[in-house]
C-alpha atoms as a PDB file:
ATOM      1  CA  UNK A   1      -6.165  18.308  -7.101  1.00  0.00           C
ATOM      2  CA  UNK A   2      -3.172  16.440  -5.659  1.00  0.00           C
ATOM      3  CA  UNK A   3      -0.338  15.180  -7.926  1.00  0.00           C
ATOM      4  CA  UNK A   4      -1.600  12.249  -9.944  1.00  0.00           C
ATOM      5  CA  UNK A   5       0.720  11.089 -12.446  1.00  0.00           C
ATOM      6  CA  UNK A   6       4.074  12.734 -11.922  1.00  0.00           C
ATOM      7  CA  UNK A   7       5.437   9.769 -10.871  1.00  0.00           C
ATOM      8  CA  UNK A   8       3.855   7.425 -12.912  1.00  0.00           C
ATOM      9  CA  UNK A   9       5.385   9.828 -15.595  1.00  0.00           C
ATOM     10  CA  UNK A  10       9.086   9.910 -14.333  1.00  0.00           C
ATOM     11  CA  UNK A  11       9.884   6.396 -16.631  1.00  0.00           C
ATOM     12  CA  UNK A  12       7.869   5.400 -19.875  1.00  0.00           C
ATOM     13  CA  UNK A  13       6.776   1.960 -19.130  1.00  0.00           C
ATOM     14  CA  UNK A  14       7.851  -1.243 -21.053  1.00  0.00           C
ATOM     15  CA  UNK A  15       5.076  -1.320 -22.931  1.00  0.00           C
ATOM     16  CA  UNK A  16       5.493   2.527 -23.716  1.00  0.00           C
ATOM     17  CA  UNK A  17       8.552   2.587 -24.557  1.00  0.00           C
ATOM     18  CA  UNK A  18       7.962  -0.896 -27.298  1.00  0.00           C
ATOM     19  CA  UNK A  19       5.197   1.140 -28.470  1.00  0.00           C
ATOM     20  CA  UNK A  20       7.796   3.824 -29.293  1.00  0.00           C
ATOM     21  CA  UNK A  21      10.348   1.846 -30.976  1.00  0.00           C
ATOM     22  CA  UNK A  22       7.195   0.225 -32.968  1.00  0.00           C
ATOM     23  CA  UNK A  23       7.682  -3.215 -31.687  1.00  0.00           C
ATOM     24  CA  UNK A  24       4.155  -5.060 -31.180  1.00  0.00           C
ATOM     25  CA  UNK A  25       2.059  -1.869 -31.071  1.00  0.00           C
ATOM     26  CA  UNK A  26       1.929   1.493 -32.369  1.00  0.00           C
ATOM     27  CA  UNK A  27       4.530   4.213 -33.238  1.00  0.00           C
ATOM     28  CA  UNK A  28       3.172   7.445 -32.960  1.00  0.00           C
ATOM     29  CA  UNK A  29       4.547   9.883 -35.433  1.00  0.00           C
ATOM     30  CA  UNK A  30       3.462  13.693 -35.192  1.00  0.00           C
ATOM     31  CA  UNK A  31       3.810  17.026 -36.115  1.00  0.00           C
ATOM     32  CA  UNK A  32       2.157  19.919 -34.407  1.00  0.00           C
ATOM     33  CA  UNK A  33       0.422  22.469 -36.342  1.00  0.00           C
ATOM     34  CA  UNK A  34      -0.806  25.863 -35.524  1.00  0.00           C
ATOM     35  CA  UNK A  35      -4.023  26.102 -37.274  1.00  0.00           C
ATOM     36  CA  UNK A  36      -7.485  24.702 -36.043  1.00  0.00           C
ATOM     37  CA  UNK A  37      -7.330  23.223 -39.723  1.00  0.00           C
ATOM     38  CA  UNK A  38      -4.456  20.752 -40.564  1.00  0.00           C
ATOM     39  CA  UNK A  39      -3.821  21.404 -44.172  1.00  0.00           C
ATOM     40  CA  UNK A  40      -1.151  19.175 -46.066  1.00  0.00           C
ATOM     41  CA  UNK A  41       0.111  15.830 -45.551  1.00  0.00           C
ATOM     42  CA  UNK A  42       1.518  15.477 -42.143  1.00  0.00           C
ATOM     43  CA  UNK A  43       5.411  15.031 -41.483  1.00  0.00           C
ATOM     44  CA  UNK A  44       6.479  11.751 -40.498  1.00  0.00           C
ATOM     45  CA  UNK A  45       8.835  12.179 -37.518  1.00  0.00           C
ATOM     46  CA  UNK A  46       8.520  10.259 -34.503  1.00  0.00           C
ATOM     47  CA  UNK A  47       7.411  10.919 -31.136  1.00  0.00           C
ATOM     48  CA  UNK A  48       7.190   9.557 -27.442  1.00  0.00           C
ATOM     49  CA  UNK A  49       4.533   7.759 -25.550  1.00  0.00           C
ATOM     50  CA  UNK A  50       3.983   8.908 -22.042  1.00  0.00           C
ATOM     51  CA  UNK A  51       1.857   7.705 -19.540  1.00  0.00           C
ATOM     52  CA  UNK A  52      -2.201   7.244 -19.241  1.00  0.00           C
ATOM     53  CA  UNK A  53      -1.952   7.913 -16.028  1.00  0.00           C
ATOM     54  CA  UNK A  54      -4.340   7.629 -13.293  1.00  0.00           C
ATOM     55  CA  UNK A  55      -7.430   9.577 -14.597  1.00  0.00           C
ATOM     56  CA  UNK A  56      -8.376   7.825 -17.904  1.00  0.00           C
ATOM     57  CA  UNK A  57     -11.908   6.381 -17.548  1.00  0.00           C
ATOM     58  CA  UNK A  58     -13.106   4.568 -20.868  1.00  0.00           C
ATOM     59  CA  UNK A  59     -16.905   5.814 -20.467  1.00  0.00           C
ATOM     60  CA  UNK A  60     -17.668   5.320 -24.058  1.00  0.00           C
ATOM     61  CA  UNK A  61     -18.872   9.131 -24.039  1.00  0.00           C
ATOM     62  CA  UNK A  62     -19.098   9.846 -27.812  1.00  0.00           C
ATOM     63  CA  UNK A  63     -18.962  13.600 -28.412  1.00  0.00           C
ATOM     64  CA  UNK A  64     -17.225  16.320 -29.935  1.00  0.00           C
ATOM     65  CA  UNK A  65     -17.829  19.276 -27.371  1.00  0.00           C
ATOM     66  CA  UNK A  66     -17.071  18.133 -23.971  1.00  0.00           C
ATOM     67  CA  UNK A  67     -17.495  20.693 -22.144  1.00  0.00           C
ATOM     68  CA  UNK A  68     -20.432  19.774 -20.704  1.00  0.00           C
ATOM     69  CA  UNK A  69     -21.612  16.955 -17.806  1.00  0.00           C
ATOM     70  CA  UNK A  70     -24.149  14.783 -19.443  1.00  0.00           C
ATOM     71  CA  UNK A  71     -25.781  14.348 -15.806  1.00  0.00           C
ATOM     72  CA  UNK A  72     -26.931  17.875 -15.580  1.00  0.00           C
ATOM     73  CA  UNK A  73     -26.210  19.751 -18.760  1.00  0.00           C
ATOM     74  CA  UNK A  74     -23.834  22.534 -17.129  1.00  0.00           C
ATOM     75  CA  UNK A  75     -20.927  23.105 -18.612  1.00  0.00           C
ATOM     76  CA  UNK A  76     -17.475  23.905 -17.365  1.00  0.00           C
ATOM     77  CA  UNK A  77     -16.071  27.530 -17.500  1.00  0.00           C
ATOM     78  CA  UNK A  78     -12.594  28.544 -18.847  1.00  0.00           C
ATOM     79  CA  UNK A  79     -11.126  29.459 -22.235  1.00  0.00           C
ATOM     80  CA  UNK A  80     -12.804  28.150 -25.514  1.00  0.00           C
ATOM     81  CA  UNK A  81     -10.279  25.363 -27.190  1.00  0.00           C
ATOM     82  CA  UNK A  82     -10.736  23.886 -30.139  1.00  0.00           C
ATOM     83  CA  UNK A  83      -8.949  20.774 -30.931  1.00  0.00           C
ATOM     84  CA  UNK A  84      -8.205  19.256 -34.311  1.00  0.00           C
ATOM     85  CA  UNK A  85      -6.119  15.983 -33.813  1.00  0.00           C
ATOM     86  CA  UNK A  86      -5.453  14.471 -37.487  1.00  0.00           C
ATOM     87  CA  UNK A  87      -4.109  10.590 -37.281  1.00  0.00           C
ATOM     88  CA  UNK A  88      -2.657   9.044 -40.559  1.00  0.00           C
ATOM     89  CA  UNK A  89      -1.155   5.933 -40.938  1.00  0.00           C
ATOM     90  CA  UNK A  90       2.491   5.533 -41.948  1.00  0.00           C
ATOM     91  CA  UNK A  91       3.123   3.832 -45.318  1.00  0.00           C
ATOM     92  CA  UNK A  92       6.273   3.127 -47.465  1.00  0.00           C
ATOM     93  CA  UNK A  93       4.727   6.108 -49.538  1.00  0.00           C
ATOM     94  CA  UNK A  94       4.458   8.795 -46.769  1.00  0.00           C
ATOM     95  CA  UNK A  95       1.247   8.834 -44.860  1.00  0.00           C
ATOM     96  CA  UNK A  96      -2.421   8.296 -45.715  1.00  0.00           C
ATOM     97  CA  UNK A  97      -5.431   9.236 -43.482  1.00  0.00           C
ATOM     98  CA  UNK A  98      -6.410   6.524 -41.060  1.00  0.00           C
ATOM     99  CA  UNK A  99     -10.285   6.562 -40.641  1.00  0.00           C
ATOM    100  CA  UNK A 100     -12.373   4.674 -37.838  1.00  0.00           C
ATOM    101  CA  UNK A 101      -9.439   5.384 -35.528  1.00  0.00           C
ATOM    102  CA  UNK A 102     -11.282   6.008 -31.995  1.00  0.00           C
ATOM    103  CA  UNK A 103      -9.766   9.263 -30.179  1.00  0.00           C
ATOM    104  CA  UNK A 104     -10.311   9.824 -26.712  1.00  0.00           C
ATOM    105  CA  UNK A 105      -9.444  13.097 -24.851  1.00  0.00           C
ATOM    106  CA  UNK A 106      -9.478  14.172 -21.002  1.00  0.00           C
ATOM    107  CA  UNK A 107      -8.377  16.689 -18.786  1.00  0.00           C
ATOM    108  CA  UNK A 108      -8.962  18.745 -15.643  1.00  0.00           C
ATOM    109  CA  UNK A 109     -11.279  21.945 -15.441  1.00  0.00           C
ATOM    110  CA  UNK A 110     -10.053  25.230 -14.658  1.00  0.00           C
ATOM    111  CA  UNK A 111      -9.894  24.357 -11.207  1.00  0.00           C
ATOM    112  CA  UNK A 112      -7.632  21.284 -11.969  1.00  0.00           C
ATOM    113  CA  UNK A 113     -10.684  18.724 -11.368  1.00  0.00           C
ATOM    114  CA  UNK A 114     -10.825  15.588 -13.213  1.00  0.00           C
ATOM    115  CA  UNK A 115     -14.614  14.185 -13.774  1.00  0.00           C
ATOM    116  CA  UNK A 116     -15.754  10.749 -12.646  1.00  0.00           C
ATOM    117  CA  UNK A 117     -12.741   9.999 -10.354  1.00  0.00           C
ATOM    118  CA  UNK A 118     -12.032   9.751  -6.454  1.00  0.00           C
ATOM    119  CA  UNK A 119      -8.940  11.291  -5.053  1.00  0.00           C
ATOM    120  CA  UNK A 120      -7.638  12.816  -1.888  1.00  0.00           C
ATOM    121  CA  UNK A 121      -9.301  16.748  -3.155  1.00  0.00           C
ATOM    122  CA  UNK A 122     -12.636  14.383  -3.498  1.00  0.00           C
ATOM    123  CA  UNK A 123     -15.120  12.564  -5.359  1.00  0.00           C
ATOM    124  CA  UNK A 124     -16.705  13.700  -8.609  1.00  0.00           C
ATOM    125  CA  UNK A 125     -17.852   9.809  -9.282  1.00  0.00           C
ATOM    126  CA  UNK A 126     -20.334  10.109 -12.090  1.00  0.00           C
ATOM    127  CA  UNK A 127     -19.828  13.489 -13.418  1.00  0.00           C
ATOM    128  CA  UNK A 128     -18.524  13.103 -17.126  1.00  0.00           C
ATOM    129  CA  UNK A 129     -17.175  17.142 -17.938  1.00  0.00           C
ATOM    130  CA  UNK A 130     -14.121  16.992 -20.475  1.00  0.00           C
ATOM    131  CA  UNK A 131     -14.005  13.542 -21.581  1.00  0.00           C
ATOM    132  CA  UNK A 132     -14.851  11.992 -24.672  1.00  0.00           C
ATOM    133  CA  UNK A 133     -14.142  10.400 -27.975  1.00  0.00           C
ATOM    134  CA  UNK A 134     -14.477  10.755 -31.695  1.00  0.00           C
ATOM    135  CA  UNK A 135     -14.121   8.289 -34.144  1.00  0.00           C
ATOM    136  CA  UNK A 136     -11.522   9.580 -37.405  1.00  0.00           C
ATOM    137  CA  UNK A 137     -13.714  11.005 -40.206  1.00  0.00           C
ATOM    138  CA  UNK A 138     -12.430   9.990 -44.261  1.00  0.00           C
ATOM    139  CA  UNK A 139      -9.466  12.482 -44.018  1.00  0.00           C
ATOM    140  CA  UNK A 140      -8.124  11.032 -40.235  1.00  0.00           C
ATOM    141  CA  UNK A 141      -9.539  13.884 -38.552  1.00  0.00           C
ATOM    142  CA  UNK A 142     -11.083  14.008 -35.115  1.00  0.00           C
ATOM    143  CA  UNK A 143     -12.280  17.476 -33.615  1.00  0.00           C
ATOM    144  CA  UNK A 144     -13.204  18.639 -30.340  1.00  0.00           C
ATOM    145  CA  UNK A 145     -14.295  21.872 -29.210  1.00  0.00           C
ATOM    146  CA  UNK A 146     -13.509  22.041 -24.841  1.00  0.00           C
ATOM    147  CA  UNK A 147     -11.790  24.577 -22.790  1.00  0.00           C
ATOM    148  CA  UNK A 148      -7.955  25.404 -21.818  1.00  0.00           C
ATOM    149  CA  UNK A 149      -6.710  22.946 -19.351  1.00  0.00           C
ATOM    150  CA  UNK A 150      -6.424  24.131 -15.190  1.00  0.00           C
ATOM    151  CA  UNK A 151      -3.573  23.097 -13.503  1.00  0.00           C
ATOM    152  CA  UNK A 152      -2.851  21.246 -10.248  1.00  0.00           C
ATOM    153  CA  UNK A 153       0.261  20.600  -7.528  1.00  0.00           C
ATOM    154  CA  UNK A 154       3.041  18.642  -9.738  1.00  0.00           C
ATOM    155  CA  UNK A 155       1.992  19.025 -13.282  1.00  0.00           C
ATOM    156  CA  UNK A 156       2.482  21.460 -16.286  1.00  0.00           C
ATOM    157  CA  UNK A 157      -0.897  22.104 -18.087  1.00  0.00           C
ATOM    158  CA  UNK A 158      -1.344  18.868 -20.136  1.00  0.00           C
ATOM    159  CA  UNK A 159      -4.167  17.418 -21.982  1.00  0.00           C
ATOM    160  CA  UNK A 160      -4.235  13.756 -22.037  1.00  0.00           C
ATOM    161  CA  UNK A 161      -5.084  11.183 -25.786  1.00  0.00           C
ATOM    162  CA  UNK A 162      -5.540   7.783 -26.602  1.00  0.00           C
ATOM    163  CA  UNK A 163      -5.850   6.590 -29.929  1.00  0.00           C
ATOM    164  CA  UNK A 164      -7.468   3.043 -30.546  1.00  0.00           C
ATOM    165  CA  UNK A 165      -6.862   1.661 -33.957  1.00  0.00           C
ATOM    166  CA  UNK A 166      -7.310  -2.092 -36.031  1.00  0.00           C
ATOM    167  CA  UNK A 167      -4.055  -3.325 -36.529  1.00  0.00           C
ATOM    168  CA  UNK A 168      -3.142  -6.898 -38.571  1.00  0.00           C
ATOM    169  CA  UNK A 169      -4.955 -10.031 -37.753  1.00  0.00           C
ATOM    170  CA  UNK A 170      -7.856  -8.531 -36.466  1.00  0.00           C
ATOM    171  CA  UNK A 171      -5.970  -7.095 -33.373  1.00  0.00           C
ATOM    172  CA  UNK A 172      -6.184  -3.641 -32.003  1.00  0.00           C
ATOM    173  CA  UNK A 173      -3.620  -1.587 -30.518  1.00  0.00           C
ATOM    174  CA  UNK A 174      -3.481   1.747 -28.305  1.00  0.00           C
ATOM    175  CA  UNK A 175      -1.163   4.621 -28.127  1.00  0.00           C
ATOM    176  CA  UNK A 176      -1.591   6.759 -25.338  1.00  0.00           C
ATOM    177  CA  UNK A 177       0.172  10.336 -24.677  1.00  0.00           C
ATOM    178  CA  UNK A 178      -0.034  13.889 -23.463  1.00  0.00           C
ATOM    179  CA  UNK A 179      -0.102  17.467 -25.423  1.00  0.00           C
ATOM    180  CA  UNK A 180       1.570  20.669 -23.540  1.00  0.00           C
ATOM    181  CA  UNK A 181       0.923  24.201 -23.626  1.00  0.00           C
ATOM    182  CA  UNK A 182       3.830  27.008 -24.167  1.00  0.00           C
ATOM    183  CA  UNK A 183       4.161  28.177 -20.262  1.00  0.00           C
ATOM    184  CA  UNK A 184       3.715  31.873 -21.193  1.00  0.00           C
ATOM    185  CA  UNK A 185       0.311  31.350 -23.164  1.00  0.00           C
ATOM    186  CA  UNK A 186      -0.446  29.485 -19.754  1.00  0.00           C
ATOM    187  CA  UNK A 187       0.603  32.680 -17.353  1.00  0.00           C
ATOM    188  CA  UNK A 188      -1.653  34.531 -19.849  1.00  0.00           C
ATOM    189  CA  UNK A 189      -4.866  32.266 -19.688  1.00  0.00           C
ATOM    190  CA  UNK A 190      -4.584  32.000 -15.803  1.00  0.00           C
ATOM    191  CA  UNK A 191      -4.110  35.841 -15.235  1.00  0.00           C
ATOM    192  CA  UNK A 192      -8.219  35.811 -16.071  1.00  0.00           C
ATOM    193  CA  UNK A 193     -10.847  34.153 -14.627  1.00  0.00           C
ATOM    194  CA  UNK A 194     -12.180  31.351 -13.998  1.00  0.00           C
ATOM    195  CA  UNK A 195      -8.179  30.336 -13.439  1.00  0.00           C
ATOM    196  CA  UNK A 196      -6.845  33.298 -11.582  1.00  0.00           C
ATOM    197  CA  UNK A 197      -7.418  33.540  -7.802  1.00  0.00           C
ATOM    198  CA  UNK A 198      -7.070  29.990  -6.782  1.00  0.00           C
ATOM    199  CA  UNK A 199      -3.320  30.220  -6.514  1.00  0.00           C
ATOM    200  CA  UNK A 200      -0.979  28.599  -9.682  1.00  0.00           C
ATOM    201  CA  UNK A 201      -0.110  25.361  -8.511  1.00  0.00           C
ATOM    202  CA  UNK A 202       1.525  24.169 -11.815  1.00  0.00           C
ATOM    203  CA  UNK A 203       5.064  23.294 -11.909  1.00  0.00           C
ATOM    204  CA  UNK A 204       6.929  24.717 -14.956  1.00  0.00           C
ATOM    205  CA  UNK A 205       7.432  22.370 -18.304  1.00  0.00           C
ATOM    206  CA  UNK A 206      10.842  21.993 -17.788  1.00  0.00           C
ATOM    207  CA  UNK A 207      10.505  20.723 -14.205  1.00  0.00           C
ATOM    208  CA  UNK A 208       7.437  18.353 -15.248  1.00  0.00           C
ATOM    209  CA  UNK A 209       9.230  14.749 -15.898  1.00  0.00           C
ATOM    210  CA  UNK A 210       6.310  13.858 -17.989  1.00  0.00           C
ATOM    211  CA  UNK A 211       6.992  16.955 -20.402  1.00  0.00           C
ATOM    212  CA  UNK A 212      10.942  15.786 -20.395  1.00  0.00           C
ATOM    213  CA  UNK A 213      10.344  12.461 -21.796  1.00  0.00           C
ATOM    214  CA  UNK A 214       8.650  13.910 -25.064  1.00  0.00           C
ATOM    215  CA  UNK A 215      11.580  16.305 -24.844  1.00  0.00           C
ATOM    216  CA  UNK A 216       9.298  19.208 -26.386  1.00  0.00           C
ATOM    217  CA  UNK A 217       7.794  17.286 -29.154  1.00  0.00           C
ATOM    218  CA  UNK A 218       4.248  17.556 -27.980  1.00  0.00           C
ATOM    219  CA  UNK A 219       3.679  20.958 -27.269  1.00  0.00           C
ATOM    220  CA  UNK A 220       0.965  22.671 -29.232  1.00  0.00           C
ATOM    221  CA  UNK A 221       1.324  25.677 -31.544  1.00  0.00           C
ATOM    222  CA  UNK A 222      -1.915  27.220 -30.025  1.00  0.00           C
ATOM    223  CA  UNK A 223      -3.357  30.375 -32.004  1.00  0.00           C
ATOM    224  CA  UNK A 224      -5.952  32.842 -30.655  1.00  0.00           C
ATOM    225  CA  UNK A 225      -9.585  32.228 -32.162  1.00  0.00           C
ATOM    226  CA  UNK A 226     -12.214  33.884 -30.679  1.00  0.00           C
ATOM    227  CA  UNK A 227     -13.709  34.046 -28.216  1.00  0.00           C
ATOM    228  CA  UNK A 228     -10.661  31.484 -27.156  1.00  0.00           C
ATOM    229  CA  UNK A 229      -7.899  29.430 -28.557  1.00  0.00           C
ATOM    230  CA  UNK A 230      -7.695  26.924 -31.452  1.00  0.00           C
ATOM    231  CA  UNK A 231      -4.890  24.082 -32.069  1.00  0.00           C
ATOM    232  CA  UNK A 232      -4.262  21.191 -34.328  1.00  0.00           C
ATOM    233  CA  UNK A 233      -1.584  18.379 -34.228  1.00  0.00           C
ATOM    234  CA  UNK A 234      -0.595  15.790 -36.539  1.00  0.00           C
ATOM    235  CA  UNK A 235      -0.460  11.890 -35.484  1.00  0.00           C
ATOM    236  CA  UNK A 236       0.674   9.187 -37.635  1.00  0.00           C
ATOM    237  CA  UNK A 237       0.420   5.872 -36.586  1.00  0.00           C
ATOM    238  CA  UNK A 238       2.529   2.749 -37.591  1.00  0.00           C
ATOM    239  CA  UNK A 239       0.179  -0.310 -36.858  1.00  0.00           C
ATOM    240  CA  UNK A 240       1.715  -3.994 -36.943  1.00  0.00           C
END
């Protein structure tokens, strides 16, 4: 996989900057958690929107376990990762759970390949591994079972996500960003199969322009959860 969204993420787009400032869209507020199950009310702290990148596919694939390819049932190998995203709405009194929000998650496999795209490394059109969406439940939770993302040239390890939620006047706004991983943890994961042996093409977080735009605010706290890992993240949206 060659460079994808590194150049796109060096500077926030105008739409993303407006979203960050809470003008004409959704302002995202987030606090990372170290457990697979978020507990207690989320902290309402502003976090940045980040570039969507070139590999979003609006496939409307409703599922929580995104490891398999629906075309043939094969499962992408990798260290299991349970990811819980809790979406809340910012209110005057704090944060209230936001049910019914559509949360899309997508990322590359252990070899650095995205599904359902065409790029210089080849075509995976028609394949839909490591993609899917969940609708948040009454507690604002969307849970996914996936694998620890792989890496490719020019980018740090990351997961993309997009949240679409109802806003005033019957409008729908979206907020898009990325989640990152601690370099030391990635070092340990990539020393094992199926990540090892292909050469580590990633850049460290500090050298990734998109990570720097986030200021470290979107780094997941990941904990061991046999046979893999678990992480959770709280996201509070201000719908305008």
